[in-house]
Amino acid sequence: MKLKVIKLNQVTSTNDKAIEMIRKKNFKPKLLVSKKQTKGKGTMGKKWISREGNLFISIFFETKVKPEDISIINPYIVKKVLDKYTKYKIKVKWPNDLIVKRKKLSGILQETIRYKSRSFLIIGIGINTIYAPLNKNFKSIALSNFSKKRIKNSEILRDIKDLYEKFISDINLNKISFLKKKYIK
């Protein structure tokens, strides 16, 4: 399944923009990417600090699969892309963070919206590619601080898009147990 990429300059959050698009009956699967977020969202109502230059993505698509069945897979998809940039081990901190050297590199927020008896999954991904935001609640790190190669958001975006296109196709064809075996490594 192909994801249409929509590039935005500034949004409150890419997940909010995805919800807005769904409510306007824009149902085709999409990947939204924004240069800047003014009110990025984290889990449990927390704020995601969105420093311009980092990568902010939301992917949305219609699904009949229960979101809780696939939420564990999302960090592993993003981890697979980021692993090729580092010599350090990226760890998944359940349920939705990627950690390097005990510092947060990425956060993933999964939301579900029902609209006109249809169910849509929205996967928000924030990656500190260039800058490590300052946060008093936890330490963060940027991929550029420890990468073994030059960071290009466009390449990371392309790789995430490719993996999610395969993942969405797999969701429609396979059982959840197969998906977990394939993606969680």
C-alpha atoms as a PDB file:
ATOM      1  CA  MET A   1       0.000   0.000   0.000  1.00  0.00           C
ATOM      2  CA  LYS A   2       1.430   3.368  -1.002  1.00  0.00           C
ATOM      3  CA  LEU A   3       1.513   6.305   1.389  1.00  0.00           C
ATOM      4  CA  LYS A   4       1.089   9.740  -0.124  1.00  0.00           C
ATOM      5  CA  VAL A   5       3.588  12.136   1.482  1.00  0.00           C
ATOM      6  CA  ILE A   6       2.298  15.563   2.486  1.00  0.00           C
ATOM      7  CA  LYS A   7       4.945  18.099   3.483  1.00  0.00           C
ATOM      8  CA  LEU A   8       3.890  20.874   5.839  1.00  0.00           C
ATOM      9  CA  ASN A   9       5.752  23.932   7.105  1.00  0.00           C
ATOM     10  CA  GLN A  10       4.072  24.283  10.504  1.00  0.00           C
ATOM     11  CA  VAL A  11       1.259  22.539  12.374  1.00  0.00           C
ATOM     12  CA  THR A  12       0.110  22.308  15.982  1.00  0.00           C
ATOM     13  CA  SER A  13       0.896  18.596  15.721  1.00  0.00           C
ATOM     14  CA  THR A  14       1.056  16.182  12.812  1.00  0.00           C
ATOM     15  CA  ASN A  15      -1.412  13.877  14.616  1.00  0.00           C
ATOM     16  CA  ASP A  16      -3.890  16.762  14.964  1.00  0.00           C
ATOM     17  CA  LYS A  17      -3.506  17.461  11.227  1.00  0.00           C
ATOM     18  CA  ALA A  18      -4.157  13.768  10.466  1.00  0.00           C
ATOM     19  CA  ILE A  19      -7.347  13.850  12.568  1.00  0.00           C
ATOM     20  CA  GLU A  20      -8.454  17.002  10.754  1.00  0.00           C
ATOM     21  CA  MET A  21      -7.881  15.340   7.369  1.00  0.00           C
ATOM     22  CA  ILE A  22      -9.869  12.241   8.360  1.00  0.00           C
ATOM     23  CA  ARG A  23     -12.783  14.403   9.540  1.00  0.00           C
ATOM     24  CA  LYS A  24     -12.711  16.124   6.138  1.00  0.00           C
ATOM     25  CA  LYS A  25     -13.182  12.657   4.557  1.00  0.00           C
ATOM     26  CA  ASN A  26      -9.604  12.447   3.340  1.00  0.00           C
ATOM     27  CA  PHE A  27      -9.386   8.693   3.976  1.00  0.00           C
ATOM     28  CA  LYS A  28      -6.516   7.548   1.743  1.00  0.00           C
ATOM     29  CA  PRO A  29      -3.382   6.478   3.684  1.00  0.00           C
ATOM     30  CA  LYS A  30      -0.910   9.316   4.153  1.00  0.00           C
ATOM     31  CA  LEU A  31       2.378  10.257   5.732  1.00  0.00           C
ATOM     32  CA  LEU A  32       2.476  13.823   7.020  1.00  0.00           C
ATOM     33  CA  VAL A  33       5.782  15.500   7.777  1.00  0.00           C
ATOM     34  CA  SER A  34       6.203  18.995   9.178  1.00  0.00           C
ATOM     35  CA  LYS A  35       9.212  21.241   9.602  1.00  0.00           C
ATOM     36  CA  LYS A  36       7.762  22.599  12.829  1.00  0.00           C
ATOM     37  CA  GLN A  37       5.158  21.650  15.443  1.00  0.00           C
ATOM     38  CA  THR A  38       3.889  24.228  17.905  1.00  0.00           C
ATOM     39  CA  LYS A  39       2.109  21.776  20.239  1.00  0.00           C
ATOM     40  CA  GLY A  40       3.619  18.349  19.668  1.00  0.00           C
ATOM     41  CA  LYS A  41       1.896  15.578  21.616  1.00  0.00           C
ATOM     42  CA  GLY A  42       3.286  12.768  23.733  1.00  0.00           C
ATOM     43  CA  THR A  43       1.536   9.982  25.575  1.00  0.00           C
ATOM     44  CA  MET A  44      -0.824  10.633  28.472  1.00  0.00           C
ATOM     45  CA  GLY A  45      -1.221  14.296  27.521  1.00  0.00           C
ATOM     46  CA  LYS A  46       2.470  15.088  27.771  1.00  0.00           C
ATOM     47  CA  LYS A  47       4.019  17.650  25.450  1.00  0.00           C
ATOM     48  CA  TRP A  48       6.539  16.590  22.807  1.00  0.00           C
ATOM     49  CA  ILE A  49       9.168  19.301  22.456  1.00  0.00           C
ATOM     50  CA  SER A  50       9.437  19.901  18.735  1.00  0.00           C
ATOM     51  CA  ARG A  51      12.682  21.627  17.933  1.00  0.00           C
ATOM     52  CA  GLU A  52      12.825  22.730  14.306  1.00  0.00           C
ATOM     53  CA  GLY A  53      15.310  20.630  12.342  1.00  0.00           C
ATOM     54  CA  ASN A  54      14.173  17.369  13.930  1.00  0.00           C
ATOM     55  CA  LEU A  55      11.736  14.976  12.274  1.00  0.00           C
ATOM     56  CA  PHE A  56       7.974  15.047  12.976  1.00  0.00           C
ATOM     57  CA  ILE A  57       5.814  12.513  11.175  1.00  0.00           C
ATOM     58  CA  SER A  58       2.299  11.109  11.340  1.00  0.00           C
ATOM     59  CA  ILE A  59       1.101   8.145   9.336  1.00  0.00           C
ATOM     60  CA  PHE A  60      -2.588   7.355   9.113  1.00  0.00           C
ATOM     61  CA  PHE A  61      -4.624   4.615   7.505  1.00  0.00           C
ATOM     62  CA  GLU A  62      -7.888   2.780   7.908  1.00  0.00           C
ATOM     63  CA  THR A  63      -7.689  -0.571   9.671  1.00  0.00           C
ATOM     64  CA  LYS A  64      -9.890  -3.234  11.161  1.00  0.00           C
ATOM     65  CA  VAL A  65      -7.071  -4.502  13.406  1.00  0.00           C
ATOM     66  CA  LYS A  66      -7.270  -3.554  17.077  1.00  0.00           C
ATOM     67  CA  PRO A  67      -4.695  -0.797  17.660  1.00  0.00           C
ATOM     68  CA  GLU A  68      -3.457  -2.377  20.883  1.00  0.00           C
ATOM     69  CA  ASP A  69      -2.492  -5.482  18.880  1.00  0.00           C
ATOM     70  CA  ILE A  70      -0.001  -3.563  16.775  1.00  0.00           C
ATOM     71  CA  SER A  71       1.122  -0.694  19.013  1.00  0.00           C
ATOM     72  CA  ILE A  72       4.131  -2.671  20.258  1.00  0.00           C
ATOM     73  CA  ILE A  73       5.433  -3.016  16.698  1.00  0.00           C
ATOM     74  CA  ASN A  74       5.773   0.716  15.943  1.00  0.00           C
ATOM     75  CA  PRO A  75       8.938   1.423  17.978  1.00  0.00           C
ATOM     76  CA  TYR A  76      10.662  -1.547  16.352  1.00  0.00           C
ATOM     77  CA  ILE A  77       9.925  -0.246  12.857  1.00  0.00           C
ATOM     78  CA  VAL A  78      11.447   3.155  13.707  1.00  0.00           C
ATOM     79  CA  LYS A  79      14.351   1.478  15.543  1.00  0.00           C
ATOM     80  CA  LYS A  80      15.158  -0.588  12.454  1.00  0.00           C
ATOM     81  CA  VAL A  81      15.571   2.597  10.409  1.00  0.00           C
ATOM     82  CA  LEU A  82      17.654   4.409  13.044  1.00  0.00           C
ATOM     83  CA  ASP A  83      19.911   1.419  13.831  1.00  0.00           C
ATOM     84  CA  LYS A  84      21.882   1.950  10.632  1.00  0.00           C
ATOM     85  CA  TYR A  85      22.967   5.395  11.836  1.00  0.00           C
ATOM     86  CA  THR A  86      24.566   4.402  15.101  1.00  0.00           C
ATOM     87  CA  LYS A  87      27.179   2.197  16.676  1.00  0.00           C
ATOM     88  CA  TYR A  88      25.286   2.397  19.985  1.00  0.00           C
ATOM     89  CA  LYS A  89      22.433   0.133  20.930  1.00  0.00           C
ATOM     90  CA  ILE A  90      18.987   1.693  20.598  1.00  0.00           C
ATOM     91  CA  LYS A  91      16.616   0.262  23.189  1.00  0.00           C
ATOM     92  CA  VAL A  92      12.847   0.229  23.175  1.00  0.00           C
ATOM     93  CA  LYS A  93      11.399   1.609  26.388  1.00  0.00           C
ATOM     94  CA  TRP A  94       7.899   0.232  26.510  1.00  0.00           C
ATOM     95  CA  PRO A  95       5.510   1.266  25.213  1.00  0.00           C
ATOM     96  CA  ASN A  96       6.677   3.961  22.837  1.00  0.00           C
ATOM     97  CA  ASP A  97      10.144   5.433  23.342  1.00  0.00           C
ATOM     98  CA  LEU A  98      13.530   4.794  21.794  1.00  0.00           C
ATOM     99  CA  ILE A  99      16.442   5.281  24.175  1.00  0.00           C
ATOM    100  CA  VAL A 100      20.195   5.569  23.621  1.00  0.00           C
ATOM    101  CA  LYS A 101      22.586   5.758  26.555  1.00  0.00           C
ATOM    102  CA  ARG A 102      19.583   6.248  28.893  1.00  0.00           C
ATOM    103  CA  LYS A 103      18.442   9.312  26.932  1.00  0.00           C
ATOM    104  CA  LYS A 104      15.317   9.697  24.814  1.00  0.00           C
ATOM    105  CA  LEU A 105      15.909   9.702  21.065  1.00  0.00           C
ATOM    106  CA  SER A 106      12.377   9.194  19.784  1.00  0.00           C
ATOM    107  CA  GLY A 107       8.781   9.021  20.926  1.00  0.00           C
ATOM    108  CA  ILE A 108       5.866   7.361  19.187  1.00  0.00           C
ATOM    109  CA  LEU A 109       2.242   8.252  19.842  1.00  0.00           C
ATOM    110  CA  GLN A 110      -0.484   5.998  18.523  1.00  0.00           C
ATOM    111  CA  GLU A 111      -4.051   7.285  18.367  1.00  0.00           C
ATOM    112  CA  THR A 112      -7.245   5.792  17.007  1.00  0.00           C
ATOM    113  CA  ILE A 113     -10.127   7.753  15.598  1.00  0.00           C
ATOM    114  CA  ARG A 114     -13.523   6.458  14.564  1.00  0.00           C
ATOM    115  CA  TYR A 115     -15.289   8.401  11.894  1.00  0.00           C
ATOM    116  CA  LYS A 116     -18.556   7.369  10.229  1.00  0.00           C
ATOM    117  CA  SER A 117     -18.202   3.751  11.444  1.00  0.00           C
ATOM    118  CA  ARG A 118     -14.651   3.530  10.079  1.00  0.00           C
ATOM    119  CA  SER A 119     -11.576   3.102  12.258  1.00  0.00           C
ATOM    120  CA  PHE A 120      -8.289   4.881  11.542  1.00  0.00           C
ATOM    121  CA  LEU A 121      -4.906   4.399  13.143  1.00  0.00           C
ATOM    122  CA  ILE A 122      -2.636   7.436  13.484  1.00  0.00           C
ATOM    123  CA  ILE A 123       1.020   6.855  14.331  1.00  0.00           C
ATOM    124  CA  GLY A 124       2.904   9.984  15.365  1.00  0.00           C
ATOM    125  CA  ILE A 125       6.689   9.767  15.338  1.00  0.00           C
ATOM    126  CA  GLY A 126       9.042  12.371  16.751  1.00  0.00           C
ATOM    127  CA  ILE A 127      12.767  11.818  16.251  1.00  0.00           C
ATOM    128  CA  ASN A 128      15.525  14.013  17.646  1.00  0.00           C
ATOM    129  CA  THR A 129      17.631  13.813  14.501  1.00  0.00           C
ATOM    130  CA  ILE A 130      19.644  17.022  14.813  1.00  0.00           C
ATOM    131  CA  TYR A 131      18.877  18.577  18.205  1.00  0.00           C
ATOM    132  CA  ALA A 132      18.341  17.194  21.699  1.00  0.00           C
ATOM    133  CA  PRO A 133      15.594  19.276  23.289  1.00  0.00           C
ATOM    134  CA  LEU A 134      16.046  20.374  26.883  1.00  0.00           C
ATOM    135  CA  ASN A 135      13.466  18.834  29.200  1.00  0.00           C
ATOM    136  CA  LYS A 136      13.452  18.935  32.968  1.00  0.00           C
ATOM    137  CA  ASN A 137      11.598  15.603  33.238  1.00  0.00           C
ATOM    138  CA  PHE A 138      14.017  13.453  31.248  1.00  0.00           C
ATOM    139  CA  LYS A 139      17.293  13.587  29.359  1.00  0.00           C
ATOM    140  CA  SER A 140      17.220  13.521  25.589  1.00  0.00           C
ATOM    141  CA  ILE A 141      19.763  12.878  22.862  1.00  0.00           C
ATOM    142  CA  ALA A 142      19.953  13.619  19.136  1.00  0.00           C
ATOM    143  CA  LEU A 143      20.959  11.131  16.484  1.00  0.00           C
ATOM    144  CA  SER A 144      23.557  13.646  15.258  1.00  0.00           C
ATOM    145  CA  ASN A 145      25.342  13.379  18.644  1.00  0.00           C
ATOM    146  CA  PHE A 146      26.428   9.809  18.038  1.00  0.00           C
ATOM    147  CA  SER A 147      25.760   8.929  14.411  1.00  0.00           C
ATOM    148  CA  LYS A 148      28.331   7.164  12.339  1.00  0.00           C
ATOM    149  CA  LYS A 149      27.045   8.925   9.210  1.00  0.00           C
ATOM    150  CA  ARG A 150      25.605  12.273   8.131  1.00  0.00           C
ATOM    151  CA  ILE A 151      21.983  12.751   9.190  1.00  0.00           C
ATOM    152  CA  LYS A 152      19.538  13.524   6.401  1.00  0.00           C
ATOM    153  CA  ASN A 153      15.908  13.766   7.482  1.00  0.00           C
ATOM    154  CA  SER A 154      14.829  13.081   3.898  1.00  0.00           C
ATOM    155  CA  GLU A 155      16.590   9.680   3.914  1.00  0.00           C
ATOM    156  CA  ILE A 156      15.169   8.711   7.302  1.00  0.00           C
ATOM    157  CA  LEU A 157      11.716   9.791   6.114  1.00  0.00           C
ATOM    158  CA  ARG A 158      12.050   7.687   2.943  1.00  0.00           C
ATOM    159  CA  ASP A 159      13.120   4.609   4.919  1.00  0.00           C
ATOM    160  CA  ILE A 160      10.275   4.995   7.428  1.00  0.00           C
ATOM    161  CA  LYS A 161       7.812   5.437   4.550  1.00  0.00           C
ATOM    162  CA  ASP A 162       9.083   2.274   2.830  1.00  0.00           C
ATOM    163  CA  LEU A 163       8.846   0.161   5.993  1.00  0.00           C
ATOM    164  CA  TYR A 164       5.374   1.441   6.873  1.00  0.00           C
ATOM    165  CA  GLU A 165       4.101   0.759   3.354  1.00  0.00           C
ATOM    166  CA  LYS A 166       5.173  -2.881   3.796  1.00  0.00           C
ATOM    167  CA  PHE A 167       3.779  -2.978   7.338  1.00  0.00           C
ATOM    168  CA  ILE A 168       0.350  -1.664   6.300  1.00  0.00           C
ATOM    169  CA  SER A 169       0.185  -4.228   3.497  1.00  0.00           C
ATOM    170  CA  ASP A 170       1.188  -6.950   5.960  1.00  0.00           C
ATOM    171  CA  ILE A 171      -1.545  -5.884   8.397  1.00  0.00           C
ATOM    172  CA  ASN A 172      -4.149  -6.526   5.748  1.00  0.00           C
ATOM    173  CA  LEU A 173      -2.725  -9.919   4.800  1.00  0.00           C
ATOM    174  CA  ASN A 174      -1.424 -11.569   7.940  1.00  0.00           C
ATOM    175  CA  LYS A 175      -2.207 -12.470  11.503  1.00  0.00           C
ATOM    176  CA  ILE A 176      -0.882 -10.364  14.355  1.00  0.00           C
ATOM    177  CA  SER A 177       1.414 -13.133  15.614  1.00  0.00           C
ATOM    178  CA  PHE A 178       3.136 -13.189  12.215  1.00  0.00           C
ATOM    179  CA  LEU A 179       3.555  -9.412  12.261  1.00  0.00           C
ATOM    180  CA  LYS A 180       5.144  -9.451  15.711  1.00  0.00           C
ATOM    181  CA  LYS A 181       7.636 -12.129  14.618  1.00  0.00           C
ATOM    182  CA  LYS A 182       8.484 -10.240  11.429  1.00  0.00           C
ATOM    183  CA  TYR A 183       8.922  -6.750  12.874  1.00  0.00           C
ATOM    184  CA  ILE A 184      10.031  -7.192  16.485  1.00  0.00           C
ATOM    185  CA  LYS A 185      13.703  -8.105  16.486  1.00  0.00           C
END
